[in-house]
Amino acid sequence: MKGKKYIYAHKFEGMPKLTDLQLVEVELPPVNDGEVLVEVECLSMDPYMRYY
């Protein structure tokens, strides 16, 4: 099974732009007994998060 994830293309300078992130397709590991696979429908990138 494949999934998609965003990775940092480079560190943000000022407001984040689409060019600061890169969408890549990855192979997901198998889901084992007792595990669940979830889909993120909403993601927030708040200003305070850039320091972590």
C-alpha atoms as a PDB file:
ATOM      1  CA  MET A   1       0.000   0.000   0.000  1.00  0.00           C
ATOM      2  CA  LYS A   2       1.255   3.486  -0.800  1.00  0.00           C
ATOM      3  CA  GLY A   3       0.734   6.781   0.966  1.00  0.00           C
ATOM      4  CA  LYS A   4       1.709  10.399   0.474  1.00  0.00           C
ATOM      5  CA  LYS A   5       3.583  12.674   2.850  1.00  0.00           C
ATOM      6  CA  TYR A   6       4.882  16.211   2.852  1.00  0.00           C
ATOM      7  CA  ILE A   7       8.536  16.804   3.650  1.00  0.00           C
ATOM      8  CA  TYR A   8      10.434  20.057   4.140  1.00  0.00           C
ATOM      9  CA  ALA A   9      12.129  21.103   0.911  1.00  0.00           C
ATOM     10  CA  HIS A  10      13.978  23.745   2.936  1.00  0.00           C
ATOM     11  CA  LYS A  11      13.502  25.846   6.074  1.00  0.00           C
ATOM     12  CA  PHE A  12      10.730  28.427   5.926  1.00  0.00           C
ATOM     13  CA  GLU A  13      11.701  32.050   5.586  1.00  0.00           C
ATOM     14  CA  GLY A  14       8.755  34.285   6.437  1.00  0.00           C
ATOM     15  CA  MET A  15       5.362  32.830   5.553  1.00  0.00           C
ATOM     16  CA  PRO A  16       5.403  29.195   4.307  1.00  0.00           C
ATOM     17  CA  LYS A  17       5.012  28.772   0.544  1.00  0.00           C
ATOM     18  CA  LEU A  18       4.137  25.708  -1.539  1.00  0.00           C
ATOM     19  CA  THR A  19       7.774  25.547  -2.646  1.00  0.00           C
ATOM     20  CA  ASP A  20       8.862  25.049   0.998  1.00  0.00           C
ATOM     21  CA  LEU A  21       7.237  21.599   1.061  1.00  0.00           C
ATOM     22  CA  GLN A  22       7.480  18.614  -1.238  1.00  0.00           C
ATOM     23  CA  LEU A  23       4.783  15.929  -1.623  1.00  0.00           C
ATOM     24  CA  VAL A  24       6.289  12.454  -2.003  1.00  0.00           C
ATOM     25  CA  GLU A  25       4.769   8.994  -2.372  1.00  0.00           C
ATOM     26  CA  VAL A  26       5.996   6.327   0.046  1.00  0.00           C
ATOM     27  CA  GLU A  27       5.437   2.615   0.566  1.00  0.00           C
ATOM     28  CA  LEU A  28       3.578   2.037   3.845  1.00  0.00           C
ATOM     29  CA  PRO A  29       4.663  -0.765   6.162  1.00  0.00           C
ATOM     30  CA  PRO A  30       2.154  -3.578   6.710  1.00  0.00           C
ATOM     31  CA  VAL A  31      -0.396  -3.105   9.501  1.00  0.00           C
ATOM     32  CA  ASN A  32       0.146  -5.729  12.206  1.00  0.00           C
ATOM     33  CA  ASP A  33      -2.334  -7.225  14.683  1.00  0.00           C
ATOM     34  CA  GLY A  34      -3.305  -4.644  17.294  1.00  0.00           C
ATOM     35  CA  GLU A  35      -2.368  -1.705  15.023  1.00  0.00           C
ATOM     36  CA  VAL A  36      -4.563   0.662  13.022  1.00  0.00           C
ATOM     37  CA  LEU A  37      -3.949   2.780   9.937  1.00  0.00           C
ATOM     38  CA  VAL A  38      -5.496   6.262   9.995  1.00  0.00           C
ATOM     39  CA  GLU A  39      -5.929   8.919   7.328  1.00  0.00           C
ATOM     40  CA  VAL A  40      -5.271  12.555   8.228  1.00  0.00           C
ATOM     41  CA  GLU A  41      -8.008  14.785   6.829  1.00  0.00           C
ATOM     42  CA  CYS A  42      -6.954  18.073   8.396  1.00  0.00           C
ATOM     43  CA  LEU A  43      -3.475  19.341   9.207  1.00  0.00           C
ATOM     44  CA  SER A  44      -2.513  22.611  10.856  1.00  0.00           C
ATOM     45  CA  MET A  45       0.878  24.295  10.617  1.00  0.00           C
ATOM     46  CA  ASP A  46       0.652  27.033  13.227  1.00  0.00           C
ATOM     47  CA  PRO A  47       3.359  29.715  13.572  1.00  0.00           C
ATOM     48  CA  TYR A  48       4.500  28.541  17.020  1.00  0.00           C
ATOM     49  CA  MET A  49       5.415  25.121  15.548  1.00  0.00           C
ATOM     50  CA  ARG A  50       8.344  26.454  13.505  1.00  0.00           C
ATOM     51  CA  TYR A  51      10.503  26.563  16.654  1.00  0.00           C
ATOM     52  CA  TYR A  52      10.191  22.792  17.286  1.00  0.00           C
END
